[in-house]
Every structure is written in structure tokens, then in C-alpha cells.
Amino acid sequence: MRSKTKTLLLGGLLAGSLVTSALPVMARDFWHWQERDHRWERRAERSEDRDLAEARRQLEYDRSHHADRRRIAEHEGRIRDLERDLKADLREHDRD
């Protein structure tokens, strides 16, 4: 009985640690911080076009205010990701 309890406890800890390590990766694309309302909202509630426009505005703001290269590179990467997602959605829509 003692070994079953130990196995169950260790299995639960292992499963919990795996789920905990995967959460930030999964949450990155599904949730979006709404700065204006100071709350998180589901990405499904947002338009990718609006996200792309917001990312471009933020990039231009940071460029005009001489932000560091790392921050500008993050914005450029986010814009590339959004553009890739939009193109994939268009290709998927065209197949249907």
C-alpha cells in the first residue's frame, strides 16, 4: 500500500510539473493583455488584423522614441508571426 501511494504521489508531481512548464507556451497565443482595460482577454475575442495594426503602431512608437534594438526586434518578430498567421488563415480559407 505504501508503494502505491508513493508512486501515485510522484506521478502527480511529475504530471504537475510538466503541465506547469507547458502553460506559459500555451497561454502566449491564446491570451492577450488589454492595456487599455488592464485585463487579459482571450485571443479568440480579438481580430488578428487589429492585433497586427496594434503591433505596427507599437513598433513605430518605439522606433520614434529610440527604444533598444531588442525591443524593436521583438515587435518585428510579433508582426512577422501575425502576418504568417493571417497568410495561413487565408490559405486555409481558400482550400475550403
PDB file of N, CA and C in Angstrom:
ATOM      1  N   MET A   1       0.813  -1.196   0.000  1.00  0.00           N
ATOM      2  CA  MET A   1       0.000   0.000   0.000  1.00  0.00           C
ATOM      3  C   MET A   1       0.858   1.261   0.000  1.00  0.00           C
ATOM      4  N   ARG A   2       1.936   1.204   0.734  1.00  0.00           N
ATOM      5  CA  ARG A   2       2.811   2.356   0.846  1.00  0.00           C
ATOM      6  C   ARG A   2       3.467   2.687  -0.504  1.00  0.00           C
ATOM      7  N   SER A   3       3.855   1.665  -1.279  1.00  0.00           N
ATOM      8  CA  SER A   3       4.494   1.907  -2.574  1.00  0.00           C
ATOM      9  C   SER A   3       3.489   2.461  -3.587  1.00  0.00           C
ATOM     10  N   LYS A   4       2.215   2.051  -3.493  1.00  0.00           N
ATOM     11  CA  LYS A   4       1.197   2.598  -4.389  1.00  0.00           C
ATOM     12  C   LYS A   4       0.995   4.088  -4.127  1.00  0.00           C
ATOM     13  N   THR A   5       0.966   4.452  -2.872  1.00  0.00           N
ATOM     14  CA  THR A   5       0.792   5.854  -2.502  1.00  0.00           C
ATOM     15  C   THR A   5       1.985   6.676  -2.976  1.00  0.00           C
ATOM     16  N   LYS A   6       3.190   6.119  -2.775  1.00  0.00           N
ATOM     17  CA  LYS A   6       4.396   6.814  -3.194  1.00  0.00           C
ATOM     18  C   LYS A   6       4.413   6.990  -4.721  1.00  0.00           C
ATOM     19  N   THR A   7       4.052   5.951  -5.450  1.00  0.00           N
ATOM     20  CA  THR A   7       4.016   6.015  -6.919  1.00  0.00           C
ATOM     21  C   THR A   7       2.985   7.035  -7.379  1.00  0.00           C
ATOM     22  N   LEU A   8       1.818   7.025  -6.769  1.00  0.00           N
ATOM     23  CA  LEU A   8       0.764   7.971  -7.124  1.00  0.00           C
ATOM     24  C   LEU A   8       1.203   9.416  -6.844  1.00  0.00           C
ATOM     25  N   LEU A   9       1.820   9.637  -5.713  1.00  0.00           N
ATOM     26  CA  LEU A   9       2.288  10.969  -5.348  1.00  0.00           C
ATOM     27  C   LEU A   9       3.373  11.467  -6.301  1.00  0.00           C
ATOM     28  N   LEU A  10       4.350  10.621  -6.600  1.00  0.00           N
ATOM     29  CA  LEU A  10       5.418  11.016  -7.515  1.00  0.00           C
ATOM     30  C   LEU A  10       4.887  11.224  -8.938  1.00  0.00           C
ATOM     31  N   GLY A  11       3.949  10.397  -9.355  1.00  0.00           N
ATOM     32  CA  GLY A  11       3.339  10.569 -10.676  1.00  0.00           C
ATOM     33  C   GLY A  11       2.588  11.883 -10.762  1.00  0.00           C
ATOM     34  N   GLY A  12       1.880  12.230  -9.691  1.00  0.00           N
ATOM     35  CA  GLY A  12       1.162  13.506  -9.652  1.00  0.00           C
ATOM     36  C   GLY A  12       2.102  14.687  -9.701  1.00  0.00           C
ATOM     37  N   LEU A  13       3.200  14.610  -8.991  1.00  0.00           N
ATOM     38  CA  LEU A  13       4.190  15.686  -9.018  1.00  0.00           C
ATOM     39  C   LEU A  13       4.812  15.825 -10.402  1.00  0.00           C
ATOM     40  N   LEU A  14       5.123  14.704 -11.035  1.00  0.00           N
ATOM     41  CA  LEU A  14       5.706  14.753 -12.371  1.00  0.00           C
ATOM     42  C   LEU A  14       4.718  15.340 -13.378  1.00  0.00           C
ATOM     43  N   ALA A  15       3.483  14.888 -13.329  1.00  0.00           N
ATOM     44  CA  ALA A  15       2.466  15.420 -14.246  1.00  0.00           C
ATOM     45  C   ALA A  15       2.234  16.910 -13.998  1.00  0.00           C
ATOM     46  N   GLY A  16       2.192  17.299 -12.741  1.00  0.00           N
ATOM     47  CA  GLY A  16       2.006  18.717 -12.412  1.00  0.00           C
ATOM     48  C   GLY A  16       3.143  19.584 -12.906  1.00  0.00           C
ATOM     49  N   SER A  17       4.356  19.095 -12.782  1.00  0.00           N
ATOM     50  CA  SER A  17       5.493  19.885 -13.245  1.00  0.00           C
ATOM     51  C   SER A  17       5.509  19.997 -14.769  1.00  0.00           C
ATOM     52  N   LEU A  18       5.105  18.937 -15.460  1.00  0.00           N
ATOM     53  CA  LEU A  18       5.041  19.001 -16.921  1.00  0.00           C
ATOM     54  C   LEU A  18       3.971  19.982 -17.388  1.00  0.00           C
ATOM     55  N   VAL A  19       2.824  19.949 -16.756  1.00  0.00           N
ATOM     56  CA  VAL A  19       1.742  20.865 -17.128  1.00  0.00           C
ATOM     57  C   VAL A  19       2.148  22.301 -16.819  1.00  0.00           C
ATOM     58  N   THR A  20       2.763  22.526 -15.670  1.00  0.00           N
ATOM     59  CA  THR A  20       3.181  23.868 -15.278  1.00  0.00           C
ATOM     60  C   THR A  20       4.222  24.432 -16.242  1.00  0.00           C
ATOM     61  N   SER A  21       5.133  23.601 -16.708  1.00  0.00           N
ATOM     62  CA  SER A  21       6.152  24.094 -17.631  1.00  0.00           C
ATOM     63  C   SER A  21       5.572  24.388 -19.011  1.00  0.00           C
ATOM     64  N   ALA A  22       4.479  23.750 -19.376  1.00  0.00           N
ATOM     65  CA  ALA A  22       3.877  23.958 -20.701  1.00  0.00           C
ATOM     66  C   ALA A  22       2.902  25.132 -20.720  1.00  0.00           C
ATOM     67  N   LEU A  23       2.402  25.563 -19.585  1.00  0.00           N
ATOM     68  CA  LEU A  23       1.390  26.620 -19.555  1.00  0.00           C
ATOM     69  C   LEU A  23       1.833  27.938 -20.174  1.00  0.00           C
ATOM     70  N   PRO A  24       3.003  28.476 -19.873  1.00  0.00           N
ATOM     71  CA  PRO A  24       3.368  29.758 -20.488  1.00  0.00           C
ATOM     72  C   PRO A  24       3.421  29.689 -22.015  1.00  0.00           C
ATOM     73  N   VAL A  25       3.855  28.576 -22.556  1.00  0.00           N
ATOM     74  CA  VAL A  25       3.920  28.422 -24.009  1.00  0.00           C
ATOM     75  C   VAL A  25       2.520  28.400 -24.600  1.00  0.00           C
ATOM     76  N   MET A  26       1.612  27.669 -23.966  1.00  0.00           N
ATOM     77  CA  MET A  26       0.245  27.579 -24.475  1.00  0.00           C
ATOM     78  C   MET A  26      -0.489  28.898 -24.300  1.00  0.00           C
ATOM     79  N   ALA A  27      -0.280  29.574 -23.207  1.00  0.00           N
ATOM     80  CA  ALA A  27      -1.017  30.801 -22.920  1.00  0.00           C
ATOM     81  C   ALA A  27      -0.570  31.970 -23.782  1.00  0.00           C
ATOM     82  N   ARG A  28       0.613  31.899 -24.324  1.00  0.00           N
ATOM     83  CA  ARG A  28       1.147  33.026 -25.084  1.00  0.00           C
ATOM     84  C   ARG A  28       0.257  33.399 -26.266  1.00  0.00           C
ATOM     85  N   ASP A  29      -0.255  32.415 -26.990  1.00  0.00           N
ATOM     86  CA  ASP A  29      -1.058  32.715 -28.162  1.00  0.00           C
ATOM     87  C   ASP A  29      -2.549  32.816 -27.874  1.00  0.00           C
ATOM     88  N   PHE A  30      -3.006  32.287 -26.767  1.00  0.00           N
ATOM     89  CA  PHE A  30      -4.434  32.272 -26.516  1.00  0.00           C
ATOM     90  C   PHE A  30      -4.924  33.454 -25.704  1.00  0.00           C
ATOM     91  N   TRP A  31      -4.048  34.135 -25.016  1.00  0.00           N
ATOM     92  CA  TRP A  31      -4.439  35.256 -24.176  1.00  0.00           C
ATOM     93  C   TRP A  31      -3.678  36.499 -24.596  1.00  0.00           C
ATOM     94  N   HIS A  32      -4.309  37.619 -24.445  1.00  0.00           N
ATOM     95  CA  HIS A  32      -3.705  38.888 -24.838  1.00  0.00           C
ATOM     96  C   HIS A  32      -3.982  39.917 -23.747  1.00  0.00           C
ATOM     97  N   TRP A  33      -2.964  40.667 -23.365  1.00  0.00           N
ATOM     98  CA  TRP A  33      -3.116  41.695 -22.336  1.00  0.00           C
ATOM     99  C   TRP A  33      -3.721  42.942 -22.965  1.00  0.00           C
ATOM    100  N   GLN A  34      -4.868  43.343 -22.473  1.00  0.00           N
ATOM    101  CA  GLN A  34      -5.549  44.543 -22.960  1.00  0.00           C
ATOM    102  C   GLN A  34      -5.082  45.706 -22.102  1.00  0.00           C
ATOM    103  N   GLU A  35      -4.155  46.488 -22.620  1.00  0.00           N
ATOM    104  CA  GLU A  35      -3.546  47.573 -21.838  1.00  0.00           C
ATOM    105  C   GLU A  35      -4.572  48.618 -21.420  1.00  0.00           C
ATOM    106  N   ARG A  36      -5.467  48.953 -22.333  1.00  0.00           N
ATOM    107  CA  ARG A  36      -6.447  50.000 -22.051  1.00  0.00           C
ATOM    108  C   ARG A  36      -7.365  49.616 -20.877  1.00  0.00           C
ATOM    109  N   ASP A  37      -7.818  48.360 -20.852  1.00  0.00           N
ATOM    110  CA  ASP A  37      -8.733  47.909 -19.801  1.00  0.00           C
ATOM    111  C   ASP A  37      -8.016  47.253 -18.627  1.00  0.00           C
ATOM    112  N   HIS A  38      -6.702  47.086 -18.752  1.00  0.00           N
ATOM    113  CA  HIS A  38      -5.890  46.431 -17.718  1.00  0.00           C
ATOM    114  C   HIS A  38      -6.459  45.065 -17.360  1.00  0.00           C
ATOM    115  N   ARG A  39      -6.659  44.251 -18.388  1.00  0.00           N
ATOM    116  CA  ARG A  39      -7.144  42.889 -18.153  1.00  0.00           C
ATOM    117  C   ARG A  39      -6.691  41.984 -19.295  1.00  0.00           C
ATOM    118  N   TRP A  40      -6.719  40.677 -19.030  1.00  0.00           N
ATOM    119  CA  TRP A  40      -6.416  39.693 -20.051  1.00  0.00           C
ATOM    120  C   TRP A  40      -7.707  39.348 -20.773  1.00  0.00           C
ATOM    121  N   GLU A  41      -7.604  39.112 -22.068  1.00  0.00           N
ATOM    122  CA  GLU A  41      -8.770  38.646 -22.809  1.00  0.00           C
ATOM    123  C   GLU A  41      -8.339  37.520 -23.734  1.00  0.00           C
ATOM    124  N   ARG A  42      -9.290  36.666 -24.049  1.00  0.00           N
ATOM    125  CA  ARG A  42      -8.977  35.550 -24.933  1.00  0.00           C
ATOM    126  C   ARG A  42      -8.656  36.060 -26.324  1.00  0.00           C
ATOM    127  N   ARG A  43      -7.675  35.459 -26.928  1.00  0.00           N
ATOM    128  CA  ARG A  43      -7.272  35.851 -28.271  1.00  0.00           C
ATOM    129  C   ARG A  43      -8.419  35.648 -29.251  1.00  0.00           C
ATOM    130  N   ALA A  44      -9.277  34.672 -28.993  1.00  0.00           N
ATOM    131  CA  ALA A  44     -10.405  34.413 -29.881  1.00  0.00           C
ATOM    132  C   ALA A  44     -11.340  35.621 -29.955  1.00  0.00           C
ATOM    133  N   GLU A  45     -11.322  36.467 -28.936  1.00  0.00           N
ATOM    134  CA  GLU A  45     -12.165  37.656 -28.930  1.00  0.00           C
ATOM    135  C   GLU A  45     -11.560  38.781 -29.757  1.00  0.00           C
ATOM    136  N   ARG A  46     -10.339  38.609 -30.194  1.00  0.00           N
ATOM    137  CA  ARG A  46      -9.640  39.681 -30.891  1.00  0.00           C
ATOM    138  C   ARG A  46      -9.497  39.352 -32.366  1.00  0.00           C
ATOM    139  N   SER A  47      -9.310  40.361 -33.142  1.00  0.00           N
ATOM    140  CA  SER A  47      -9.079  40.218 -34.567  1.00  0.00           C
ATOM    141  C   SER A  47      -7.571  40.249 -34.819  1.00  0.00           C
ATOM    142  N   GLU A  48      -7.086  39.339 -35.642  1.00  0.00           N
ATOM    143  CA  GLU A  48      -5.658  39.350 -35.959  1.00  0.00           C
ATOM    144  C   GLU A  48      -5.277  40.612 -36.721  1.00  0.00           C
ATOM    145  N   ASP A  49      -6.218  41.122 -37.519  1.00  0.00           N
ATOM    146  CA  ASP A  49      -5.944  42.383 -38.226  1.00  0.00           C
ATOM    147  C   ASP A  49      -5.724  43.516 -37.225  1.00  0.00           C
ATOM    148  N   ARG A  50      -6.551  43.536 -36.190  1.00  0.00           N
ATOM    149  CA  ARG A  50      -6.413  44.578 -35.172  1.00  0.00           C
ATOM    150  C   ARG A  50      -5.117  44.390 -34.388  1.00  0.00           C
ATOM    151  N   ASP A  51      -4.772  43.126 -34.091  1.00  0.00           N
ATOM    152  CA  ASP A  51      -3.504  42.856 -33.408  1.00  0.00           C
ATOM    153  C   ASP A  51      -2.320  43.308 -34.250  1.00  0.00           C
ATOM    154  N   LEU A  52      -2.404  43.057 -35.564  1.00  0.00           N
ATOM    155  CA  LEU A  52      -1.325  43.456 -36.458  1.00  0.00           C
ATOM    156  C   LEU A  52      -1.186  44.975 -36.506  1.00  0.00           C
ATOM    157  N   ALA A  53      -2.300  45.666 -36.601  1.00  0.00           N
ATOM    158  CA  ALA A  53      -2.255  47.133 -36.612  1.00  0.00           C
ATOM    159  C   ALA A  53      -1.689  47.671 -35.299  1.00  0.00           C
ATOM    160  N   GLU A  54      -2.099  47.055 -34.182  1.00  0.00           N
ATOM    161  CA  GLU A  54      -1.589  47.479 -32.873  1.00  0.00           C
ATOM    162  C   GLU A  54      -0.086  47.230 -32.760  1.00  0.00           C
ATOM    163  N   ALA A  55       0.374  46.090 -33.258  1.00  0.00           N
ATOM    164  CA  ALA A  55       1.808  45.772 -33.211  1.00  0.00           C
ATOM    165  C   ALA A  55       2.605  46.748 -34.071  1.00  0.00           C
ATOM    166  N   ARG A  56       2.067  47.106 -35.226  1.00  0.00           N
ATOM    167  CA  ARG A  56       2.762  48.075 -36.090  1.00  0.00           C
ATOM    168  C   ARG A  56       2.822  49.458 -35.440  1.00  0.00           C
ATOM    169  N   ARG A  57       1.719  49.867 -34.800  1.00  0.00           N
ATOM    170  CA  ARG A  57       1.724  51.162 -34.101  1.00  0.00           C
ATOM    171  C   ARG A  57       2.755  51.165 -32.981  1.00  0.00           C
ATOM    172  N   GLN A  58       2.810  50.069 -32.231  1.00  0.00           N
ATOM    173  CA  GLN A  58       3.763  49.990 -31.124  1.00  0.00           C
ATOM    174  C   GLN A  58       5.196  50.016 -31.644  1.00  0.00           C
ATOM    175  N   LEU A  59       5.448  49.330 -32.759  1.00  0.00           N
ATOM    176  CA  LEU A  59       6.784  49.344 -33.357  1.00  0.00           C
ATOM    177  C   LEU A  59       7.172  50.755 -33.780  1.00  0.00           C
ATOM    178  N   GLU A  60       6.281  51.453 -34.436  1.00  0.00           N
ATOM    179  CA  GLU A  60       6.579  52.823 -34.864  1.00  0.00           C
ATOM    180  C   GLU A  60       6.792  53.747 -33.668  1.00  0.00           C
ATOM    181  N   TYR A  61       6.000  53.560 -32.618  1.00  0.00           N
ATOM    182  CA  TYR A  61       6.173  54.374 -31.412  1.00  0.00           C
ATOM    183  C   TYR A  61       7.564  54.137 -30.813  1.00  0.00           C
ATOM    184  N   ASP A  62       7.933  52.863 -30.678  1.00  0.00           N
ATOM    185  CA  ASP A  62       9.230  52.548 -30.086  1.00  0.00           C
ATOM    186  C   ASP A  62      10.381  53.045 -30.957  1.00  0.00           C
ATOM    187  N   ARG A  63      10.223  52.948 -32.275  1.00  0.00           N
ATOM    188  CA  ARG A  63      11.270  53.477 -33.165  1.00  0.00           C
ATOM    189  C   ARG A  63      11.400  54.987 -33.021  1.00  0.00           C
ATOM    190  N   SER A  64      10.264  55.674 -32.955  1.00  0.00           N
ATOM    191  CA  SER A  64      10.322  57.134 -32.849  1.00  0.00           C
ATOM    192  C   SER A  64      10.857  57.587 -31.495  1.00  0.00           C
ATOM    193  N   HIS A  65      10.740  56.732 -30.478  1.00  0.00           N
ATOM    194  CA  HIS A  65      11.251  57.076 -29.153  1.00  0.00           C
ATOM    195  C   HIS A  65      12.580  56.385 -28.847  1.00  0.00           C
ATOM    196  N   HIS A  66      13.229  55.861 -29.886  1.00  0.00           N
ATOM    197  CA  HIS A  66      14.573  55.285 -29.794  1.00  0.00           C
ATOM    198  C   HIS A  66      14.676  54.177 -28.748  1.00  0.00           C
ATOM    199  N   ALA A  67      13.748  53.213 -28.848  1.00  0.00           N
ATOM    200  CA  ALA A  67      13.799  52.059 -27.942  1.00  0.00           C
ATOM    201  C   ALA A  67      15.006  51.196 -28.306  1.00  0.00           C
ATOM    202  N   ASP A  68      15.400  50.311 -27.385  1.00  0.00           N
ATOM    203  CA  ASP A  68      16.563  49.470 -27.668  1.00  0.00           C
ATOM    204  C   ASP A  68      16.244  48.447 -28.764  1.00  0.00           C
ATOM    205  N   ARG A  69      17.317  47.946 -29.381  1.00  0.00           N
ATOM    206  CA  ARG A  69      17.180  47.050 -30.533  1.00  0.00           C
ATOM    207  C   ARG A  69      16.432  45.772 -30.188  1.00  0.00           C
ATOM    208  N   ARG A  70      16.615  45.278 -28.974  1.00  0.00           N
ATOM    209  CA  ARG A  70      15.950  44.040 -28.571  1.00  0.00           C
ATOM    210  C   ARG A  70      14.441  44.208 -28.580  1.00  0.00           C
ATOM    211  N   ARG A  71      13.977  45.317 -28.067  1.00  0.00           N
ATOM    212  CA  ARG A  71      12.531  45.579 -28.029  1.00  0.00           C
ATOM    213  C   ARG A  71      11.964  45.747 -29.447  1.00  0.00           C
ATOM    214  N   ILE A  72      12.695  46.442 -30.297  1.00  0.00           N
ATOM    215  CA  ILE A  72      12.258  46.614 -31.682  1.00  0.00           C
ATOM    216  C   ILE A  72      12.240  45.264 -32.398  1.00  0.00           C
ATOM    217  N   ALA A  73      13.235  44.431 -32.147  1.00  0.00           N
ATOM    218  CA  ALA A  73      13.275  43.101 -32.757  1.00  0.00           C
ATOM    219  C   ALA A  73      12.096  42.243 -32.289  1.00  0.00           C
ATOM    220  N   GLU A  74      11.703  42.379 -31.017  1.00  0.00           N
ATOM    221  CA  GLU A  74      10.530  41.652 -30.519  1.00  0.00           C
ATOM    222  C   GLU A  74       9.271  42.077 -31.266  1.00  0.00           C
ATOM    223  N   HIS A  75       9.116  43.376 -31.479  1.00  0.00           N
ATOM    224  CA  HIS A  75       7.948  43.868 -32.217  1.00  0.00           C
ATOM    225  C   HIS A  75       7.956  43.369 -33.659  1.00  0.00           C
ATOM    226  N   GLU A  76       9.125  43.404 -34.289  1.00  0.00           N
ATOM    227  CA  GLU A  76       9.220  42.924 -35.667  1.00  0.00           C
ATOM    228  C   GLU A  76       8.905  41.439 -35.757  1.00  0.00           C
ATOM    229  N   GLY A  77       9.358  40.671 -34.785  1.00  0.00           N
ATOM    230  CA  GLY A  77       9.041  39.243 -34.749  1.00  0.00           C
ATOM    231  C   GLY A  77       7.557  38.998 -34.560  1.00  0.00           C
ATOM    232  N   ARG A  78       6.943  39.774 -33.687  1.00  0.00           N
ATOM    233  CA  ARG A  78       5.497  39.646 -33.463  1.00  0.00           C
ATOM    234  C   ARG A  78       4.729  39.974 -34.744  1.00  0.00           C
ATOM    235  N   ILE A  79       5.154  41.000 -35.457  1.00  0.00           N
ATOM    236  CA  ILE A  79       4.495  41.372 -36.711  1.00  0.00           C
ATOM    237  C   ILE A  79       4.644  40.238 -37.735  1.00  0.00           C
ATOM    238  N   ARG A  80       5.848  39.669 -37.838  1.00  0.00           N
ATOM    239  CA  ARG A  80       6.053  38.550 -38.769  1.00  0.00           C
ATOM    240  C   ARG A  80       5.158  37.369 -38.410  1.00  0.00           C
ATOM    241  N   ASP A  81       5.038  37.068 -37.105  1.00  0.00           N
ATOM    242  CA  ASP A  81       4.171  35.960 -36.667  1.00  0.00           C
ATOM    243  C   ASP A  81       2.718  36.223 -37.040  1.00  0.00           C
ATOM    244  N   LEU A  82       2.249  37.431 -36.800  1.00  0.00           N
ATOM    245  CA  LEU A  82       0.858  37.760 -37.131  1.00  0.00           C
ATOM    246  C   LEU A  82       0.615  37.694 -38.633  1.00  0.00           C
ATOM    247  N   GLU A  83       1.566  38.199 -39.416  1.00  0.00           N
ATOM    248  CA  GLU A  83       1.412  38.137 -40.875  1.00  0.00           C
ATOM    249  C   GLU A  83       1.391  36.687 -41.352  1.00  0.00           C
ATOM    250  N   ARG A  84       2.260  35.852 -40.770  1.00  0.00           N
ATOM    251  CA  ARG A  84       2.277  34.433 -41.132  1.00  0.00           C
ATOM    252  C   ARG A  84       0.950  33.768 -40.777  1.00  0.00           C
ATOM    253  N   ASP A  85       0.401  34.081 -39.599  1.00  0.00           N
ATOM    254  CA  ASP A  85      -0.893  33.525 -39.203  1.00  0.00           C
ATOM    255  C   ASP A  85      -2.007  33.956 -40.154  1.00  0.00           C
ATOM    256  N   LEU A  86      -1.986  35.226 -40.540  1.00  0.00           N
ATOM    257  CA  LEU A  86      -3.011  35.711 -41.466  1.00  0.00           C
ATOM    258  C   LEU A  86      -2.900  35.009 -42.824  1.00  0.00           C
ATOM    259  N   LYS A  87      -1.682  34.820 -43.324  1.00  0.00           N
ATOM    260  CA  LYS A  87      -1.496  34.126 -44.602  1.00  0.00           C
ATOM    261  C   LYS A  87      -1.949  32.674 -44.499  1.00  0.00           C
ATOM    262  N   ALA A  88      -1.647  32.030 -43.379  1.00  0.00           N
ATOM    263  CA  ALA A  88      -2.081  30.638 -43.185  1.00  0.00           C
ATOM    264  C   ALA A  88      -3.607  30.557 -43.140  1.00  0.00           C
ATOM    265  N   ASP A  89      -4.239  31.514 -42.471  1.00  0.00           N
ATOM    266  CA  ASP A  89      -5.703  31.536 -42.423  1.00  0.00           C
ATOM    267  C   ASP A  89      -6.297  31.718 -43.811  1.00  0.00           C
ATOM    268  N   LEU A  90      -5.682  32.589 -44.629  1.00  0.00           N
ATOM    269  CA  LEU A  90      -6.161  32.801 -45.993  1.00  0.00           C
ATOM    270  C   LEU A  90      -6.015  31.540 -46.837  1.00  0.00           C
ATOM    271  N   ARG A  91      -4.859  30.864 -46.711  1.00  0.00           N
ATOM    272  CA  ARG A  91      -4.662  29.620 -47.461  1.00  0.00           C
ATOM    273  C   ARG A  91      -5.679  28.569 -47.031  1.00  0.00           C
ATOM    274  N   GLU A  92      -5.927  28.469 -45.722  1.00  0.00           N
ATOM    275  CA  GLU A  92      -6.900  27.507 -45.218  1.00  0.00           C
ATOM    276  C   GLU A  92      -8.297  27.849 -45.709  1.00  0.00           C
ATOM    277  N   HIS A  93      -8.614  29.126 -45.722  1.00  0.00           N
ATOM    278  CA  HIS A  93      -9.936  29.566 -46.182  1.00  0.00           C
ATOM    279  C   HIS A  93     -10.106  29.271 -47.671  1.00  0.00           C
ATOM    280  N   ASP A  94      -9.028  29.455 -48.460  1.00  0.00           N
ATOM    281  CA  ASP A  94      -9.096  29.195 -49.899  1.00  0.00           C
ATOM    282  C   ASP A  94      -9.297  27.712 -50.210  1.00  0.00           C
ATOM    283  N   ARG A  95      -8.751  26.843 -49.337  1.00  0.00           N
ATOM    284  CA  ARG A  95      -8.927  25.400 -49.537  1.00  0.00           C
ATOM    285  C   ARG A  95     -10.368  24.966 -49.297  1.00  0.00           C
ATOM    286  N   ASP A  96     -11.054  25.666 -48.423  1.00  0.00           N
ATOM    287  CA  ASP A  96     -12.439  25.271 -48.073  1.00  0.00           C
ATOM    288  C   ASP A  96     -13.417  25.586 -49.138  1.00  0.00           C
TER     289      ASP A  96
END
